[in-house]
Amino acid sequence: KLVAMTGDGTNDAPALAQSDVGVAMNSGTQAAKEAGNMVDLDSN
């Protein structure tokens, strides 16, 4: 399966990096934004 998830905290970074589509919130931590492969500028 291909998995997608969202997150904004440092504790979400490992899961964002592991998922096929990791959407980090722009309001979140730098670690989360670096781990995901997308950034939601609206943090929605």
ModelCIF file with pLDDT and N, C-alpha, C, O atoms, coordinates in Angstrom:
data_MODEL
#
_entry.id   MODEL 
#
_entity.id                         1 
_entity.type                       polymer 
_entity.pdbx_number_of_molecules   1 
#
_entity_poly.entity_id                      1 
_entity_poly.type                           'polypeptide(L)' 
_entity_poly.nstd_linkage                   no 
_entity_poly.nstd_monomer                   no 
_entity_poly.pdbx_seq_one_letter_code       KLVAMTGDGTNDAPALAQSDVGVAMNSGTQAAKEAGNMVDLDSN 
_entity_poly.pdbx_seq_one_letter_code_can   KLVAMTGDGTNDAPALAQSDVGVAMNSGTQAAKEAGNMVDLDSN 
_entity_poly.pdbx_strand_id                 A 
#
loop_
_entity_poly_seq.entity_id 
_entity_poly_seq.num 
_entity_poly_seq.mon_id 
_entity_poly_seq.hetero 
1 1  LYS n 
1 2  LEU n 
1 3  VAL n 
1 4  ALA n 
1 5  MET n 
1 6  THR n 
1 7  GLY n 
1 8  ASP n 
1 9  GLY n 
1 10 THR n 
1 11 ASN n 
1 12 ASP n 
1 13 ALA n 
1 14 PRO n 
1 15 ALA n 
1 16 LEU n 
1 17 ALA n 
1 18 GLN n 
1 19 SER n 
1 20 ASP n 
1 21 VAL n 
1 22 GLY n 
1 23 VAL n 
1 24 ALA n 
1 25 MET n 
1 26 ASN n 
1 27 SER n 
1 28 GLY n 
1 29 THR n 
1 30 GLN n 
1 31 ALA n 
1 32 ALA n 
1 33 LYS n 
1 34 GLU n 
1 35 ALA n 
1 36 GLY n 
1 37 ASN n 
1 38 MET n 
1 39 VAL n 
1 40 ASP n 
1 41 LEU n 
1 42 ASP n 
1 43 SER n 
1 44 ASN n 
#
_struct_asym.id          A 
_struct_asym.entity_id   1 
#
loop_
_ma_qa_metric.id 
_ma_qa_metric.mode 
_ma_qa_metric.name 
_ma_qa_metric.software_group_id 
_ma_qa_metric.type 
1 global pLDDT . pLDDT 
2 local  pLDDT . pLDDT 
#
_ma_qa_metric_global.metric_id      1 
_ma_qa_metric_global.metric_value   79.93 
_ma_qa_metric_global.model_id       1 
_ma_qa_metric_global.ordinal_id     1 
#
loop_
_ma_qa_metric_local.label_asym_id 
_ma_qa_metric_local.label_comp_id 
_ma_qa_metric_local.label_seq_id 
_ma_qa_metric_local.metric_id 
_ma_qa_metric_local.metric_value 
_ma_qa_metric_local.model_id 
_ma_qa_metric_local.ordinal_id 
A LYS 1  2 89.00 1 1  
A LEU 2  2 89.00 1 2  
A VAL 3  2 91.00 1 3  
A ALA 4  2 89.00 1 4  
A MET 5  2 88.00 1 5  
A THR 6  2 82.00 1 6  
A GLY 7  2 78.00 1 7  
A ASP 8  2 73.00 1 8  
A GLY 9  2 70.00 1 9  
A THR 10 2 70.00 1 10 
A ASN 11 2 70.00 1 11 
A ASP 12 2 77.00 1 12 
A ALA 13 2 80.00 1 13 
A PRO 14 2 84.00 1 14 
A ALA 15 2 84.00 1 15 
A LEU 16 2 85.00 1 16 
A ALA 17 2 85.00 1 17 
A GLN 18 2 87.00 1 18 
A SER 19 2 88.00 1 19 
A ASP 20 2 88.00 1 20 
A VAL 21 2 88.00 1 21 
A GLY 22 2 87.00 1 22 
A VAL 23 2 87.00 1 23 
A ALA 24 2 83.00 1 24 
A MET 25 2 79.00 1 25 
A ASN 26 2 74.00 1 26 
A SER 27 2 68.00 1 27 
A GLY 28 2 69.00 1 28 
A THR 29 2 69.00 1 29 
A GLN 30 2 69.00 1 30 
A ALA 31 2 73.00 1 31 
A ALA 32 2 77.00 1 32 
A LYS 33 2 77.00 1 33 
A GLU 34 2 77.00 1 34 
A ALA 35 2 81.00 1 35 
A GLY 36 2 81.00 1 36 
A ASN 37 2 83.00 1 37 
A MET 38 2 85.00 1 38 
A VAL 39 2 84.00 1 39 
A ASP 40 2 83.00 1 40 
A LEU 41 2 76.00 1 41 
A ASP 42 2 75.00 1 42 
A SER 43 2 72.00 1 43 
A ASN 44 2 73.00 1 44 
#
loop_
_atom_site.group_PDB 
_atom_site.id 
_atom_site.type_symbol 
_atom_site.label_atom_id 
_atom_site.label_alt_id 
_atom_site.label_comp_id 
_atom_site.label_asym_id 
_atom_site.label_entity_id 
_atom_site.label_seq_id 
_atom_site.pdbx_PDB_ins_code 
_atom_site.Cartn_x 
_atom_site.Cartn_y 
_atom_site.Cartn_z 
_atom_site.occupancy 
_atom_site.B_iso_or_equiv 
_atom_site.pdbx_formal_charge 
_atom_site.auth_seq_id 
_atom_site.auth_comp_id 
_atom_site.auth_asym_id 
_atom_site.auth_atom_id 
_atom_site.pdbx_PDB_model_num 
ATOM 1   N N  . LYS A 1 1  ? 0.823  -1.202 0.000  1.00 89.00 ? 1  LYS A N  1 
ATOM 2   C CA . LYS A 1 1  ? 0.000  0.000  0.000  1.00 89.00 ? 1  LYS A CA 1 
ATOM 3   C C  . LYS A 1 1  ? 0.863  1.260  0.000  1.00 89.00 ? 1  LYS A C  1 
ATOM 4   O O  . LYS A 1 1  ? 1.969  1.268  0.539  1.00 89.00 ? 1  LYS A O  1 
ATOM 5   N N  . LEU A 1 2  ? 0.342  2.323  -0.612 1.00 89.00 ? 2  LEU A N  1 
ATOM 6   C CA . LEU A 1 2  ? 0.961  3.643  -0.526 1.00 89.00 ? 2  LEU A CA 1 
ATOM 7   C C  . LEU A 1 2  ? 0.243  4.428  0.562  1.00 89.00 ? 2  LEU A C  1 
ATOM 8   O O  . LEU A 1 2  ? -0.987 4.477  0.595  1.00 89.00 ? 2  LEU A O  1 
ATOM 9   N N  . VAL A 1 3  ? 1.017  5.040  1.449  1.00 91.00 ? 3  VAL A N  1 
ATOM 10  C CA . VAL A 1 3  ? 0.458  5.670  2.648  1.00 91.00 ? 3  VAL A CA 1 
ATOM 11  C C  . VAL A 1 3  ? 0.724  7.167  2.629  1.00 91.00 ? 3  VAL A C  1 
ATOM 12  O O  . VAL A 1 3  ? 1.817  7.610  2.277  1.00 91.00 ? 3  VAL A O  1 
ATOM 13  N N  . ALA A 1 4  ? -0.297 7.950  3.015  1.00 89.00 ? 4  ALA A N  1 
ATOM 14  C CA . ALA A 1 4  ? -0.151 9.402  3.162  1.00 89.00 ? 4  ALA A CA 1 
ATOM 15  C C  . ALA A 1 4  ? -0.558 9.801  4.570  1.00 89.00 ? 4  ALA A C  1 
ATOM 16  O O  . ALA A 1 4  ? -1.475 9.218  5.148  1.00 89.00 ? 4  ALA A O  1 
ATOM 17  N N  . MET A 1 5  ? 0.137  10.809 5.126  1.00 88.00 ? 5  MET A N  1 
ATOM 18  C CA . MET A 1 5  ? -0.229 11.307 6.448  1.00 88.00 ? 5  MET A CA 1 
ATOM 19  C C  . MET A 1 5  ? 0.182  12.759 6.593  1.00 88.00 ? 5  MET A C  1 
ATOM 20  O O  . MET A 1 5  ? 0.971  13.281 5.805  1.00 88.00 ? 5  MET A O  1 
ATOM 21  N N  . THR A 1 6  ? -0.370 13.406 7.622  1.00 82.00 ? 6  THR A N  1 
ATOM 22  C CA . THR A 1 6  ? -0.007 14.782 7.931  1.00 82.00 ? 6  THR A CA 1 
ATOM 23  C C  . THR A 1 6  ? 0.612  14.836 9.319  1.00 82.00 ? 6  THR A C  1 
ATOM 24  O O  . THR A 1 6  ? 0.425  13.934 10.136 1.00 82.00 ? 6  THR A O  1 
ATOM 25  N N  . GLY A 1 7  ? 1.361  15.920 9.572  1.00 78.00 ? 7  GLY A N  1 
ATOM 26  C CA . GLY A 1 7  ? 1.960  16.111 10.893 1.00 78.00 ? 7  GLY A CA 1 
ATOM 27  C C  . GLY A 1 7  ? 2.582  17.479 10.998 1.00 78.00 ? 7  GLY A C  1 
ATOM 28  O O  . GLY A 1 7  ? 2.843  18.131 9.987  1.00 78.00 ? 7  GLY A O  1 
ATOM 29  N N  . ASP A 1 8  ? 2.826  17.925 12.237 1.00 73.00 ? 8  ASP A N  1 
ATOM 30  C CA . ASP A 1 8  ? 3.444  19.236 12.425 1.00 73.00 ? 8  ASP A CA 1 
ATOM 31  C C  . ASP A 1 8  ? 4.517  19.261 13.497 1.00 73.00 ? 8  ASP A C  1 
ATOM 32  O O  . ASP A 1 8  ? 5.285  20.219 13.573 1.00 73.00 ? 8  ASP A O  1 
ATOM 33  N N  . GLY A 1 9  ? 4.588  18.241 14.316 1.00 70.00 ? 9  GLY A N  1 
ATOM 34  C CA . GLY A 1 9  ? 5.538  18.243 15.422 1.00 70.00 ? 9  GLY A CA 1 
ATOM 35  C C  . GLY A 1 9  ? 6.795  17.447 15.124 1.00 70.00 ? 9  GLY A C  1 
ATOM 36  O O  . GLY A 1 9  ? 6.844  16.671 14.170 1.00 70.00 ? 9  GLY A O  1 
ATOM 37  N N  . THR A 1 10 ? 7.810  17.647 15.952 1.00 70.00 ? 10 THR A N  1 
ATOM 38  C CA . THR A 1 10 ? 9.057  16.883 15.807 1.00 70.00 ? 10 THR A CA 1 
ATOM 39  C C  . THR A 1 10 ? 8.788  15.402 15.967 1.00 70.00 ? 10 THR A C  1 
ATOM 40  O O  . THR A 1 10 ? 9.431  14.577 15.317 1.00 70.00 ? 10 THR A O  1 
ATOM 41  N N  . ASN A 1 11 ? 7.831  15.052 16.839 1.00 70.00 ? 11 ASN A N  1 
ATOM 42  C CA . ASN A 1 11 ? 7.521  13.634 17.040 1.00 70.00 ? 11 ASN A CA 1 
ATOM 43  C C  . ASN A 1 11 ? 6.835  13.011 15.824 1.00 70.00 ? 11 ASN A C  1 
ATOM 44  O O  . ASN A 1 11 ? 6.746  11.787 15.728 1.00 70.00 ? 11 ASN A O  1 
ATOM 45  N N  . ASP A 1 12 ? 6.347  13.844 14.891 1.00 77.00 ? 12 ASP A N  1 
ATOM 46  C CA . ASP A 1 12 ? 5.739  13.322 13.660 1.00 77.00 ? 12 ASP A CA 1 
ATOM 47  C C  . ASP A 1 12 ? 6.773  13.083 12.560 1.00 77.00 ? 12 ASP A C  1 
ATOM 48  O O  . ASP A 1 12 ? 6.480  12.420 11.565 1.00 77.00 ? 12 ASP A O  1 
ATOM 49  N N  . ALA A 1 13 ? 7.980  13.621 12.738 1.00 80.00 ? 13 ALA A N  1 
ATOM 50  C CA . ALA A 1 13 ? 8.988  13.579 11.671 1.00 80.00 ? 13 ALA A CA 1 
ATOM 51  C C  . ALA A 1 13 ? 9.302  12.160 11.191 1.00 80.00 ? 13 ALA A C  1 
ATOM 52  O O  . ALA A 1 13 ? 9.340  11.936 9.981  1.00 80.00 ? 13 ALA A O  1 
ATOM 53  N N  . PRO A 1 14 ? 9.532  11.180 12.098 1.00 84.00 ? 14 PRO A N  1 
ATOM 54  C CA . PRO A 1 14 ? 9.836  9.823  11.599 1.00 84.00 ? 14 PRO A CA 1 
ATOM 55  C C  . PRO A 1 14 ? 8.722  9.252  10.725 1.00 84.00 ? 14 PRO A C  1 
ATOM 56  O O  . PRO A 1 14 ? 8.998  8.646  9.689  1.00 84.00 ? 14 PRO A O  1 
ATOM 57  N N  . ALA A 1 15 ? 7.458  9.442  11.134 1.00 84.00 ? 15 ALA A N  1 
ATOM 58  C CA . ALA A 1 15 ? 6.345  8.911  10.358 1.00 84.00 ? 15 ALA A CA 1 
ATOM 59  C C  . ALA A 1 15 ? 6.191  9.648  9.034  1.00 84.00 ? 15 ALA A C  1 
ATOM 60  O O  . ALA A 1 15 ? 5.865  9.030  8.020  1.00 84.00 ? 15 ALA A O  1 
ATOM 61  N N  . LEU A 1 16 ? 6.421  10.971 9.026  1.00 85.00 ? 16 LEU A N  1 
ATOM 62  C CA . LEU A 1 16 ? 6.341  11.746 7.783  1.00 85.00 ? 16 LEU A CA 1 
ATOM 63  C C  . LEU A 1 16 ? 7.397  11.270 6.789  1.00 85.00 ? 16 LEU A C  1 
ATOM 64  O O  . LEU A 1 16 ? 7.136  11.162 5.591  1.00 85.00 ? 16 LEU A O  1 
ATOM 65  N N  . ALA A 1 17 ? 8.591  10.988 7.305  1.00 85.00 ? 17 ALA A N  1 
ATOM 66  C CA . ALA A 1 17 ? 9.673  10.518 6.434  1.00 85.00 ? 17 ALA A CA 1 
ATOM 67  C C  . ALA A 1 17 ? 9.389  9.121  5.895  1.00 85.00 ? 17 ALA A C  1 
ATOM 68  O O  . ALA A 1 17 ? 9.762  8.807  4.765  1.00 85.00 ? 17 ALA A O  1 
ATOM 69  N N  . GLN A 1 18 ? 8.735  8.285  6.689  1.00 87.00 ? 18 GLN A N  1 
ATOM 70  C CA . GLN A 1 18 ? 8.462  6.911  6.280  1.00 87.00 ? 18 GLN A CA 1 
ATOM 71  C C  . GLN A 1 18 ? 7.309  6.829  5.290  1.00 87.00 ? 18 GLN A C  1 
ATOM 72  O O  . GLN A 1 18 ? 7.309  5.959  4.419  1.00 87.00 ? 18 GLN A O  1 
ATOM 73  N N  . SER A 1 19 ? 6.322  7.721  5.408  1.00 88.00 ? 19 SER A N  1 
ATOM 74  C CA . SER A 1 19 ? 5.143  7.650  4.545  1.00 88.00 ? 19 SER A CA 1 
ATOM 75  C C  . SER A 1 19 ? 5.500  8.032  3.108  1.00 88.00 ? 19 SER A C  1 
ATOM 76  O O  . SER A 1 19 ? 6.476  8.742  2.866  1.00 88.00 ? 19 SER A O  1 
ATOM 77  N N  . ASP A 1 20 ? 4.703  7.554  2.170  1.00 88.00 ? 20 ASP A N  1 
ATOM 78  C CA . ASP A 1 20 ? 4.947  7.841  0.757  1.00 88.00 ? 20 ASP A CA 1 
ATOM 79  C C  . ASP A 1 20 ? 4.610  9.293  0.423  1.00 88.00 ? 20 ASP A C  1 
ATOM 80  O O  . ASP A 1 20 ? 5.276  9.919  -0.403 1.00 88.00 ? 20 ASP A O  1 
ATOM 81  N N  . VAL A 1 21 ? 3.568  9.824  1.072  1.00 88.00 ? 21 VAL A N  1 
ATOM 82  C CA . VAL A 1 21 ? 3.204  11.236 0.939  1.00 88.00 ? 21 VAL A CA 1 
ATOM 83  C C  . VAL A 1 21 ? 3.121  11.808 2.347  1.00 88.00 ? 21 VAL A C  1 
ATOM 84  O O  . VAL A 1 21 ? 2.172  11.531 3.081  1.00 88.00 ? 21 VAL A O  1 
ATOM 85  N N  . GLY A 1 22 ? 4.115  12.602 2.722  1.00 87.00 ? 22 GLY A N  1 
ATOM 86  C CA . GLY A 1 22 ? 4.157  13.204 4.046  1.00 87.00 ? 22 GLY A CA 1 
ATOM 87  C C  . GLY A 1 22 ? 3.918  14.698 3.939  1.00 87.00 ? 22 GLY A C  1 
ATOM 88  O O  . GLY A 1 22 ? 4.751  15.422 3.394  1.00 87.00 ? 22 GLY A O  1 
ATOM 89  N N  . VAL A 1 23 ? 2.787  15.169 4.454  1.00 87.00 ? 23 VAL A N  1 
ATOM 90  C CA . VAL A 1 23 ? 2.420  16.581 4.359  1.00 87.00 ? 23 VAL A CA 1 
ATOM 91  C C  . VAL A 1 23 ? 2.681  17.247 5.703  1.00 87.00 ? 23 VAL A C  1 
ATOM 92  O O  . VAL A 1 23 ? 1.985  16.978 6.682  1.00 87.00 ? 23 VAL A O  1 
ATOM 93  N N  . ALA A 1 24 ? 3.693  18.123 5.747  1.00 83.00 ? 24 ALA A N  1 
ATOM 94  C CA . ALA A 1 24 ? 4.028  18.844 6.971  1.00 83.00 ? 24 ALA A CA 1 
ATOM 95  C C  . ALA A 1 24 ? 3.325  20.186 6.986  1.00 83.00 ? 24 ALA A C  1 
ATOM 96  O O  . ALA A 1 24 ? 3.158  20.824 5.947  1.00 83.00 ? 24 ALA A O  1 
ATOM 97  N N  . MET A 1 25 ? 2.913  20.610 8.172  1.00 79.00 ? 25 MET A N  1 
ATOM 98  C CA . MET A 1 25 ? 2.276  21.914 8.322  1.00 79.00 ? 25 MET A CA 1 
ATOM 99  C C  . MET A 1 25 ? 3.342  23.012 8.329  1.00 79.00 ? 25 MET A C  1 
ATOM 100 O O  . MET A 1 25 ? 4.390  22.865 8.956  1.00 79.00 ? 25 MET A O  1 
ATOM 101 N N  . ASN A 1 26 ? 3.065  24.106 7.632  1.00 74.00 ? 26 ASN A N  1 
ATOM 102 C CA . ASN A 1 26 ? 4.011  25.216 7.596  1.00 74.00 ? 26 ASN A CA 1 
ATOM 103 C C  . ASN A 1 26 ? 4.242  25.817 8.974  1.00 74.00 ? 26 ASN A C  1 
ATOM 104 O O  . ASN A 1 26 ? 5.306  26.376 9.239  1.00 74.00 ? 26 ASN A O  1 
ATOM 105 N N  . SER A 1 27 ? 3.243  25.705 9.856  1.00 68.00 ? 27 SER A N  1 
ATOM 106 C CA . SER A 1 27 ? 3.371  26.243 11.205 1.00 68.00 ? 27 SER A CA 1 
ATOM 107 C C  . SER A 1 27 ? 4.121  25.295 12.123 1.00 68.00 ? 27 SER A C  1 
ATOM 108 O O  . SER A 1 27 ? 4.387  25.629 13.277 1.00 68.00 ? 27 SER A O  1 
ATOM 109 N N  . GLY A 1 28 ? 4.462  24.119 11.622 1.00 69.00 ? 28 GLY A N  1 
ATOM 110 C CA . GLY A 1 28 ? 5.116  23.121 12.448 1.00 69.00 ? 28 GLY A CA 1 
ATOM 111 C C  . GLY A 1 28 ? 6.610  23.341 12.575 1.00 69.00 ? 28 GLY A C  1 
ATOM 112 O O  . GLY A 1 28 ? 7.143  24.378 12.180 1.00 69.00 ? 28 GLY A O  1 
ATOM 113 N N  . THR A 1 29 ? 7.270  22.344 13.135 1.00 69.00 ? 29 THR A N  1 
ATOM 114 C CA . THR A 1 29 ? 8.702  22.444 13.389 1.00 69.00 ? 29 THR A CA 1 
ATOM 115 C C  . THR A 1 29 ? 9.495  22.249 12.101 1.00 69.00 ? 29 THR A C  1 
ATOM 116 O O  . THR A 1 29 ? 8.997  21.699 11.118 1.00 69.00 ? 29 THR A O  1 
ATOM 117 N N  . GLN A 1 30 ? 10.735 22.713 12.133 1.00 69.00 ? 30 GLN A N  1 
ATOM 118 C CA . GLN A 1 30 ? 11.618 22.548 10.985 1.00 69.00 ? 30 GLN A CA 1 
ATOM 119 C C  . GLN A 1 30 ? 11.867 21.071 10.702 1.00 69.00 ? 30 GLN A C  1 
ATOM 120 O O  . GLN A 1 30 ? 11.978 20.664 9.545  1.00 69.00 ? 30 GLN A O  1 
ATOM 121 N N  . ALA A 1 31 ? 11.953 20.268 11.764 1.00 73.00 ? 31 ALA A N  1 
ATOM 122 C CA . ALA A 1 31 ? 12.181 18.827 11.590 1.00 73.00 ? 31 ALA A CA 1 
ATOM 123 C C  . ALA A 1 31 ? 11.044 18.189 10.807 1.00 73.00 ? 31 ALA A C  1 
ATOM 124 O O  . ALA A 1 31 ? 11.278 17.342 9.945  1.00 73.00 ? 31 ALA A O  1 
ATOM 125 N N  . ALA A 1 32 ? 9.807  18.594 11.104 1.00 77.00 ? 32 ALA A N  1 
ATOM 126 C CA . ALA A 1 32 ? 8.654  18.037 10.396 1.00 77.00 ? 32 ALA A CA 1 
ATOM 127 C C  . ALA A 1 32 ? 8.677  18.444 8.929  1.00 77.00 ? 32 ALA A C  1 
ATOM 128 O O  . ALA A 1 32 ? 8.402  17.623 8.053  1.00 77.00 ? 32 ALA A O  1 
ATOM 129 N N  . LYS A 1 33 ? 9.004  19.712 8.654  1.00 77.00 ? 33 LYS A N  1 
ATOM 130 C CA . LYS A 1 33 ? 9.013  20.194 7.266  1.00 77.00 ? 33 LYS A CA 1 
ATOM 131 C C  . LYS A 1 33 ? 10.118 19.532 6.450  1.00 77.00 ? 33 LYS A C  1 
ATOM 132 O O  . LYS A 1 33 ? 9.949  19.290 5.254  1.00 77.00 ? 33 LYS A O  1 
ATOM 133 N N  . GLU A 1 34 ? 11.236 19.241 7.087  1.00 77.00 ? 34 GLU A N  1 
ATOM 134 C CA . GLU A 1 34 ? 12.323 18.575 6.370  1.00 77.00 ? 34 GLU A CA 1 
ATOM 135 C C  . GLU A 1 34 ? 12.018 17.099 6.141  1.00 77.00 ? 34 GLU A C  1 
ATOM 136 O O  . GLU A 1 34 ? 12.498 16.511 5.171  1.00 77.00 ? 34 GLU A O  1 
ATOM 137 N N  . ALA A 1 35 ? 11.228 16.500 7.022  1.00 81.00 ? 35 ALA A N  1 
ATOM 138 C CA . ALA A 1 35 ? 10.931 15.072 6.895  1.00 81.00 ? 35 ALA A CA 1 
ATOM 139 C C  . ALA A 1 35 ? 9.881  14.808 5.824  1.00 81.00 ? 35 ALA A C  1 
ATOM 140 O O  . ALA A 1 35 ? 9.951  13.792 5.133  1.00 81.00 ? 35 ALA A O  1 
ATOM 141 N N  . GLY A 1 36 ? 8.898  15.716 5.674  1.00 81.00 ? 36 GLY A N  1 
ATOM 142 C CA . GLY A 1 36 ? 7.838  15.500 4.699  1.00 81.00 ? 36 GLY A CA 1 
ATOM 143 C C  . GLY A 1 36 ? 8.294  15.834 3.290  1.00 81.00 ? 36 GLY A C  1 
ATOM 144 O O  . GLY A 1 36 ? 9.321  16.483 3.094  1.00 81.00 ? 36 GLY A O  1 
ATOM 145 N N  . ASN A 1 37 ? 7.515  15.380 2.308  1.00 83.00 ? 37 ASN A N  1 
ATOM 146 C CA . ASN A 1 37 ? 7.819  15.747 0.919  1.00 83.00 ? 37 ASN A CA 1 
ATOM 147 C C  . ASN A 1 37 ? 6.825  16.761 0.368  1.00 83.00 ? 37 ASN A C  1 
ATOM 148 O O  . ASN A 1 37 ? 6.849  17.074 -0.822 1.00 83.00 ? 37 ASN A O  1 
ATOM 149 N N  . MET A 1 38 ? 5.947  17.278 1.236  1.00 85.00 ? 38 MET A N  1 
ATOM 150 C CA . MET A 1 38 ? 5.067  18.393 0.912  1.00 85.00 ? 38 MET A CA 1 
ATOM 151 C C  . MET A 1 38 ? 4.924  19.269 2.142  1.00 85.00 ? 38 MET A C  1 
ATOM 152 O O  . MET A 1 38 ? 5.021  18.797 3.274  1.00 85.00 ? 38 MET A O  1 
ATOM 153 N N  . VAL A 1 39 ? 4.691  20.562 1.902  1.00 84.00 ? 39 VAL A N  1 
ATOM 154 C CA . VAL A 1 39 ? 4.434  21.498 2.998  1.00 84.00 ? 39 VAL A CA 1 
ATOM 155 C C  . VAL A 1 39 ? 3.138  22.240 2.690  1.00 84.00 ? 39 VAL A C  1 
ATOM 156 O O  . VAL A 1 39 ? 2.986  22.839 1.625  1.00 84.00 ? 39 VAL A O  1 
ATOM 157 N N  . ASP A 1 40 ? 2.209  22.188 3.639  1.00 83.00 ? 40 ASP A N  1 
ATOM 158 C CA . ASP A 1 40 ? 0.947  22.911 3.493  1.00 83.00 ? 40 ASP A CA 1 
ATOM 159 C C  . ASP A 1 40 ? 1.112  24.305 4.093  1.00 83.00 ? 40 ASP A C  1 
ATOM 160 O O  . ASP A 1 40 ? 1.248  24.456 5.307  1.00 83.00 ? 40 ASP A O  1 
ATOM 161 N N  . LEU A 1 41 ? 1.100  25.318 3.232  1.00 76.00 ? 41 LEU A N  1 
ATOM 162 C CA . LEU A 1 41 ? 1.336  26.685 3.687  1.00 76.00 ? 41 LEU A CA 1 
ATOM 163 C C  . LEU A 1 41 ? 0.208  27.196 4.569  1.00 76.00 ? 41 LEU A C  1 
ATOM 164 O O  . LEU A 1 41 ? 0.423  28.088 5.389  1.00 76.00 ? 41 LEU A O  1 
ATOM 165 N N  . ASP A 1 42 ? -0.999 26.642 4.414  1.00 75.00 ? 42 ASP A N  1 
ATOM 166 C CA . ASP A 1 42 ? -2.131 27.065 5.226  1.00 75.00 ? 42 ASP A CA 1 
ATOM 167 C C  . ASP A 1 42 ? -2.179 26.361 6.574  1.00 75.00 ? 42 ASP A C  1 
ATOM 168 O O  . ASP A 1 42 ? -2.959 26.733 7.450  1.00 75.00 ? 42 ASP A O  1 
ATOM 169 N N  . SER A 1 43 ? -1.338 25.338 6.737  1.00 72.00 ? 43 SER A N  1 
ATOM 170 C CA . SER A 1 43 ? -1.336 24.544 7.978  1.00 72.00 ? 43 SER A CA 1 
ATOM 171 C C  . SER A 1 43 ? -2.738 24.014 8.291  1.00 72.00 ? 43 SER A C  1 
ATOM 172 O O  . SER A 1 43 ? -3.205 24.078 9.428  1.00 72.00 ? 43 SER A O  1 
ATOM 173 N N  . ASN A 1 44 ? -3.386 23.498 7.269  1.00 73.00 ? 44 ASN A N  1 
ATOM 174 C CA . ASN A 1 44 ? -4.738 22.951 7.407  1.00 73.00 ? 44 ASN A CA 1 
ATOM 175 C C  . ASN A 1 44 ? -4.665 21.440 7.242  1.00 73.00 ? 44 ASN A C  1 
ATOM 176 O O  . ASN A 1 44 ? -5.689 20.761 7.319  1.00 73.00 ? 44 ASN A O  1 
#
